[in-house]
Amino acid sequence: MIITPKTKVGELLEEYPELEDLLISFSPTFQKLKNPVLRRTVGKIATLQQVAKVGNVSIDKLVNELRKRVGQGKMDVSDISDYESAIEPKWVRRDMVVDNFDAVPVINAGKNPMGEILKRIERIKQDEIFLFRTPFYPAPIIEKITKKGYMIFTEKRSENDFGNFVIKVPNQKD
């Protein structure tokens, strides 16, 4: 396996179990990978690029340290695009939130909230906002939502509290 920003965490640790401690050493957030439930759910779909974002770690440093440990050469990952913005967009209006979903209890119970989130975003109409809460930056869910034609903005409220605002992109069918 060649390690790249698109490598899934679960596949990486399956192929190179010896990398677990190194990966966890990059960020306290990565300690959650020791939880078998999160490892099975998040590990299956989260890429290194996504967990780097969650852990506030340089993707270049993360990928290249992992590659170095298994004897792979350095990779230039500086041109990887980041579709998230740190600046709250003008469309984020709390008075337009029509549905709230707290995914924290679902995640803490070891379940994946993606199905419920996707079902709820399908119900929002133009100029309505769906807001869901997660205990970490939900990179895999964000990727899925944006591919479906929605915009999302994530607000980090605290270390374990993220508000995720979703709106239908203009010209999408109601």
C-alpha atoms as a PDB file:
ATOM      1  CA  MET A   1       0.000   0.000   0.000  1.00  0.00           C
ATOM      2  CA  ILE A   2       1.264   3.433  -0.971  1.00  0.00           C
ATOM      3  CA  ILE A   3       0.425   6.019   1.702  1.00  0.00           C
ATOM      4  CA  THR A   4      -1.217   9.178   0.324  1.00  0.00           C
ATOM      5  CA  PRO A   5      -3.595  11.837   1.710  1.00  0.00           C
ATOM      6  CA  LYS A   6      -6.473   9.750   0.288  1.00  0.00           C
ATOM      7  CA  THR A   7      -5.453   6.588   2.205  1.00  0.00           C
ATOM      8  CA  LYS A   8      -8.238   5.446   4.519  1.00  0.00           C
ATOM      9  CA  VAL A   9      -7.191   5.255   8.175  1.00  0.00           C
ATOM     10  CA  GLY A  10      -8.680   1.793   8.682  1.00  0.00           C
ATOM     11  CA  GLU A  11      -6.867   0.379   5.656  1.00  0.00           C
ATOM     12  CA  LEU A  12      -3.616   2.026   6.758  1.00  0.00           C
ATOM     13  CA  LEU A  13      -3.778   0.500  10.235  1.00  0.00           C
ATOM     14  CA  GLU A  14      -4.814  -2.873   8.851  1.00  0.00           C
ATOM     15  CA  GLU A  15      -1.816  -2.923   6.500  1.00  0.00           C
ATOM     16  CA  TYR A  16       0.605  -1.249   8.928  1.00  0.00           C
ATOM     17  CA  PRO A  17      -0.630  -1.850  12.516  1.00  0.00           C
ATOM     18  CA  GLU A  18       2.749  -0.643  13.793  1.00  0.00           C
ATOM     19  CA  LEU A  19       1.797   2.901  12.678  1.00  0.00           C
ATOM     20  CA  GLU A  20      -1.004   3.241  15.251  1.00  0.00           C
ATOM     21  CA  ASP A  21       1.161   4.796  17.993  1.00  0.00           C
ATOM     22  CA  LEU A  22       2.828   7.175  15.529  1.00  0.00           C
ATOM     23  CA  LEU A  23      -0.536   8.276  14.142  1.00  0.00           C
ATOM     24  CA  ILE A  24      -1.966   8.816  17.626  1.00  0.00           C
ATOM     25  CA  SER A  25       1.129  10.811  18.661  1.00  0.00           C
ATOM     26  CA  PHE A  26       0.275  13.550  16.145  1.00  0.00           C
ATOM     27  CA  SER A  27      -2.776  14.847  17.992  1.00  0.00           C
ATOM     28  CA  PRO A  28      -4.674  14.126  21.226  1.00  0.00           C
ATOM     29  CA  THR A  29      -7.790  13.931  19.035  1.00  0.00           C
ATOM     30  CA  PHE A  30      -6.385  10.792  17.407  1.00  0.00           C
ATOM     31  CA  GLN A  31      -6.638   8.961  20.774  1.00  0.00           C
ATOM     32  CA  LYS A  32     -10.246   8.316  19.728  1.00  0.00           C
ATOM     33  CA  LEU A  33      -8.898   5.812  17.184  1.00  0.00           C
ATOM     34  CA  LYS A  34      -8.238   3.461  20.107  1.00  0.00           C
ATOM     35  CA  ASN A  35     -12.014   3.228  20.603  1.00  0.00           C
ATOM     36  CA  PRO A  36     -12.972   0.058  18.669  1.00  0.00           C
ATOM     37  CA  VAL A  37     -16.384   1.441  17.728  1.00  0.00           C
ATOM     38  CA  LEU A  38     -15.015   4.682  16.274  1.00  0.00           C
ATOM     39  CA  ARG A  39     -12.201   2.732  14.653  1.00  0.00           C
ATOM     40  CA  ARG A  40     -14.722   0.543  12.807  1.00  0.00           C
ATOM     41  CA  THR A  41     -16.978   3.405  11.738  1.00  0.00           C
ATOM     42  CA  VAL A  42     -14.701   6.403  11.180  1.00  0.00           C
ATOM     43  CA  GLY A  43     -11.673   4.312  10.214  1.00  0.00           C
ATOM     44  CA  LYS A  44     -13.543   2.785   7.279  1.00  0.00           C
ATOM     45  CA  ILE A  45     -14.377   6.066   5.612  1.00  0.00           C
ATOM     46  CA  ALA A  46     -11.969   8.718   6.943  1.00  0.00           C
ATOM     47  CA  THR A  47      -8.886   9.508   4.878  1.00  0.00           C
ATOM     48  CA  LEU A  48      -5.590  10.792   6.229  1.00  0.00           C
ATOM     49  CA  GLN A  49      -6.430  14.180   4.715  1.00  0.00           C
ATOM     50  CA  GLN A  50      -9.676  14.248   6.681  1.00  0.00           C
ATOM     51  CA  VAL A  51      -8.184  13.161  10.009  1.00  0.00           C
ATOM     52  CA  ALA A  52      -5.370  15.682   9.579  1.00  0.00           C
ATOM     53  CA  LYS A  53      -8.057  18.370   9.372  1.00  0.00           C
ATOM     54  CA  VAL A  54      -9.825  16.955  12.447  1.00  0.00           C
ATOM     55  CA  GLY A  55      -6.578  16.851  14.418  1.00  0.00           C
ATOM     56  CA  ASN A  56      -5.365  20.227  13.170  1.00  0.00           C
ATOM     57  CA  VAL A  57      -2.216  18.564  11.831  1.00  0.00           C
ATOM     58  CA  SER A  58      -0.255  19.386   8.676  1.00  0.00           C
ATOM     59  CA  ILE A  59      -1.240  16.816   6.038  1.00  0.00           C
ATOM     60  CA  ASP A  60       2.255  17.077   4.577  1.00  0.00           C
ATOM     61  CA  LYS A  61       3.884  16.229   7.902  1.00  0.00           C
ATOM     62  CA  LEU A  62       1.405  13.451   8.710  1.00  0.00           C
ATOM     63  CA  VAL A  63       1.665  11.652   5.362  1.00  0.00           C
ATOM     64  CA  ASN A  64       5.421  11.992   5.089  1.00  0.00           C
ATOM     65  CA  GLU A  65       6.121  10.807   8.642  1.00  0.00           C
ATOM     66  CA  LEU A  66       3.949   7.732   8.050  1.00  0.00           C
ATOM     67  CA  ARG A  67       5.622   7.099   4.677  1.00  0.00           C
ATOM     68  CA  LYS A  68       9.083   7.486   6.216  1.00  0.00           C
ATOM     69  CA  ARG A  69       8.273   4.959   8.950  1.00  0.00           C
ATOM     70  CA  VAL A  70       7.430   2.258   6.372  1.00  0.00           C
ATOM     71  CA  GLY A  71      10.296   3.082   4.015  1.00  0.00           C
ATOM     72  CA  GLN A  72       8.392   5.073   1.381  1.00  0.00           C
ATOM     73  CA  GLY A  73       9.912   8.232  -0.121  1.00  0.00           C
ATOM     74  CA  LYS A  74       8.767  11.796   0.526  1.00  0.00           C
ATOM     75  CA  MET A  75       5.615  12.937  -1.277  1.00  0.00           C
ATOM     76  CA  ASP A  76       4.700  16.509  -2.214  1.00  0.00           C
ATOM     77  CA  VAL A  77       1.196  17.053  -0.850  1.00  0.00           C
ATOM     78  CA  SER A  78       1.263  20.848  -0.749  1.00  0.00           C
ATOM     79  CA  ASP A  79      -1.222  21.197  -3.599  1.00  0.00           C
ATOM     80  CA  ILE A  80      -4.016  19.241  -1.895  1.00  0.00           C
ATOM     81  CA  SER A  81      -7.063  21.510  -1.938  1.00  0.00           C
ATOM     82  CA  ASP A  82      -9.014  22.215   1.208  1.00  0.00           C
ATOM     83  CA  TYR A  83     -12.708  22.821   0.546  1.00  0.00           C
ATOM     84  CA  GLU A  84     -13.497  24.036   4.041  1.00  0.00           C
ATOM     85  CA  SER A  85     -13.351  27.666   5.043  1.00  0.00           C
ATOM     86  CA  ALA A  86     -12.496  29.128   8.431  1.00  0.00           C
ATOM     87  CA  ILE A  87     -14.581  32.232   7.714  1.00  0.00           C
ATOM     88  CA  GLU A  88     -18.306  31.954   8.382  1.00  0.00           C
ATOM     89  CA  PRO A  89     -20.139  32.488   5.089  1.00  0.00           C
ATOM     90  CA  LYS A  90     -22.960  35.027   4.830  1.00  0.00           C
ATOM     91  CA  TRP A  91     -25.544  32.283   4.214  1.00  0.00           C
ATOM     92  CA  VAL A  92     -25.071  30.954   7.770  1.00  0.00           C
ATOM     93  CA  ARG A  93     -28.080  32.482   9.501  1.00  0.00           C
ATOM     94  CA  ARG A  94     -29.236  30.874  12.709  1.00  0.00           C
ATOM     95  CA  ASP A  95     -32.761  32.190  12.172  1.00  0.00           C
ATOM     96  CA  MET A  96     -32.996  30.044   9.016  1.00  0.00           C
ATOM     97  CA  VAL A  97     -32.290  26.746  10.838  1.00  0.00           C
ATOM     98  CA  VAL A  98     -35.345  24.523  10.329  1.00  0.00           C
ATOM     99  CA  ASP A  99     -33.949  21.264  11.707  1.00  0.00           C
ATOM    100  CA  ASN A 100     -31.404  20.368  14.404  1.00  0.00           C
ATOM    101  CA  PHE A 101     -29.820  16.978  14.971  1.00  0.00           C
ATOM    102  CA  ASP A 102     -27.444  16.066  17.781  1.00  0.00           C
ATOM    103  CA  ALA A 103     -25.256  13.274  16.386  1.00  0.00           C
ATOM    104  CA  VAL A 104     -23.142  13.057  19.555  1.00  0.00           C
ATOM    105  CA  PRO A 105     -25.286  10.409  21.325  1.00  0.00           C
ATOM    106  CA  VAL A 106     -25.449   8.359  18.116  1.00  0.00           C
ATOM    107  CA  ILE A 107     -21.660   8.458  17.695  1.00  0.00           C
ATOM    108  CA  ASN A 108     -21.068   7.767  21.388  1.00  0.00           C
ATOM    109  CA  ALA A 109     -23.310   4.699  21.072  1.00  0.00           C
ATOM    110  CA  GLY A 110     -20.976   3.419  18.366  1.00  0.00           C
ATOM    111  CA  LYS A 111     -23.327   4.051  15.476  1.00  0.00           C
ATOM    112  CA  ASN A 112     -22.819   6.034  12.303  1.00  0.00           C
ATOM    113  CA  PRO A 113     -25.144   9.071  12.002  1.00  0.00           C
ATOM    114  CA  MET A 114     -24.559   9.524   8.247  1.00  0.00           C
ATOM    115  CA  GLY A 115     -27.870   7.913   7.186  1.00  0.00           C
ATOM    116  CA  GLU A 116     -29.946  10.129   9.465  1.00  0.00           C
ATOM    117  CA  ILE A 117     -28.039  13.251   8.436  1.00  0.00           C
ATOM    118  CA  LEU A 118     -28.450  12.514   4.718  1.00  0.00           C
ATOM    119  CA  LYS A 119     -32.168  11.839   5.199  1.00  0.00           C
ATOM    120  CA  ARG A 120     -32.627  15.166   6.974  1.00  0.00           C
ATOM    121  CA  ILE A 121     -30.730  17.265   4.416  1.00  0.00           C
ATOM    122  CA  GLU A 122     -32.998  15.899   1.688  1.00  0.00           C
ATOM    123  CA  ARG A 123     -35.941  17.551   3.473  1.00  0.00           C
ATOM    124  CA  ILE A 124     -34.601  21.109   3.543  1.00  0.00           C
ATOM    125  CA  LYS A 125     -35.862  23.616   1.014  1.00  0.00           C
ATOM    126  CA  GLN A 126     -34.078  26.531  -0.630  1.00  0.00           C
ATOM    127  CA  ASP A 127     -32.773  29.034   1.952  1.00  0.00           C
ATOM    128  CA  GLU A 128     -33.417  26.651   4.846  1.00  0.00           C
ATOM    129  CA  ILE A 129     -30.584  25.404   7.012  1.00  0.00           C
ATOM    130  CA  PHE A 130     -30.076  22.050   8.658  1.00  0.00           C
ATOM    131  CA  LEU A 131     -27.773  22.109  11.687  1.00  0.00           C
ATOM    132  CA  PHE A 132     -26.163  19.017  13.160  1.00  0.00           C
ATOM    133  CA  ARG A 133     -23.773  18.655  16.074  1.00  0.00           C
ATOM    134  CA  THR A 134     -20.779  16.315  16.240  1.00  0.00           C
ATOM    135  CA  PRO A 135     -17.980  15.706  18.786  1.00  0.00           C
ATOM    136  CA  PHE A 136     -15.303  16.098  16.093  1.00  0.00           C
ATOM    137  CA  TYR A 137     -14.844  17.644  12.665  1.00  0.00           C
ATOM    138  CA  PRO A 138     -16.963  15.300  10.478  1.00  0.00           C
ATOM    139  CA  ALA A 139     -14.773  15.248   7.359  1.00  0.00           C
ATOM    140  CA  PRO A 140     -16.275  12.102   5.768  1.00  0.00           C
ATOM    141  CA  ILE A 141     -19.829  13.379   6.244  1.00  0.00           C
ATOM    142  CA  ILE A 142     -18.872  16.794   4.860  1.00  0.00           C
ATOM    143  CA  GLU A 143     -17.393  15.214   1.758  1.00  0.00           C
ATOM    144  CA  LYS A 144     -20.558  13.175   1.167  1.00  0.00           C
ATOM    145  CA  ILE A 145     -22.834  16.205   1.706  1.00  0.00           C
ATOM    146  CA  THR A 146     -20.884  18.466  -0.665  1.00  0.00           C
ATOM    147  CA  LYS A 147     -20.909  15.769  -3.357  1.00  0.00           C
ATOM    148  CA  LYS A 148     -24.715  15.744  -3.087  1.00  0.00           C
ATOM    149  CA  GLY A 149     -24.858  19.444  -3.984  1.00  0.00           C
ATOM    150  CA  TYR A 150     -25.073  21.128  -0.600  1.00  0.00           C
ATOM    151  CA  MET A 151     -22.853  23.710   1.053  1.00  0.00           C
ATOM    152  CA  ILE A 152     -21.662  23.175   4.590  1.00  0.00           C
ATOM    153  CA  PHE A 153     -19.929  25.301   7.159  1.00  0.00           C
ATOM    154  CA  THR A 154     -18.488  23.825  10.341  1.00  0.00           C
ATOM    155  CA  GLU A 155     -18.131  25.952  13.447  1.00  0.00           C
ATOM    156  CA  LYS A 156     -15.742  24.632  16.103  1.00  0.00           C
ATOM    157  CA  ARG A 157     -17.373  25.562  19.384  1.00  0.00           C
ATOM    158  CA  SER A 158     -14.948  23.695  21.635  1.00  0.00           C
ATOM    159  CA  GLU A 159     -12.527  20.765  21.452  1.00  0.00           C
ATOM    160  CA  ASN A 160     -15.404  18.249  21.298  1.00  0.00           C
ATOM    161  CA  ASP A 161     -18.283  20.303  19.941  1.00  0.00           C
ATOM    162  CA  PHE A 162     -18.791  21.151  16.274  1.00  0.00           C
ATOM    163  CA  GLY A 163     -21.859  22.791  14.742  1.00  0.00           C
ATOM    164  CA  ASN A 164     -22.353  21.897  11.082  1.00  0.00           C
ATOM    165  CA  PHE A 165     -24.613  24.156   9.011  1.00  0.00           C
ATOM    166  CA  VAL A 166     -25.968  22.738   5.752  1.00  0.00           C
ATOM    167  CA  ILE A 167     -27.825  24.634   3.022  1.00  0.00           C
ATOM    168  CA  LYS A 168     -29.050  23.609  -0.397  1.00  0.00           C
ATOM    169  CA  VAL A 169     -26.979  25.086  -3.214  1.00  0.00           C
ATOM    170  CA  PRO A 170     -29.093  27.462  -5.352  1.00  0.00           C
ATOM    171  CA  ASN A 171     -30.786  25.885  -8.377  1.00  0.00           C
ATOM    172  CA  GLN A 172     -31.158  22.508  -6.665  1.00  0.00           C
ATOM    173  CA  LYS A 173     -34.625  20.957  -6.889  1.00  0.00           C
ATOM    174  CA  ASP A 174     -36.952  21.292  -3.908  1.00  0.00           C
END
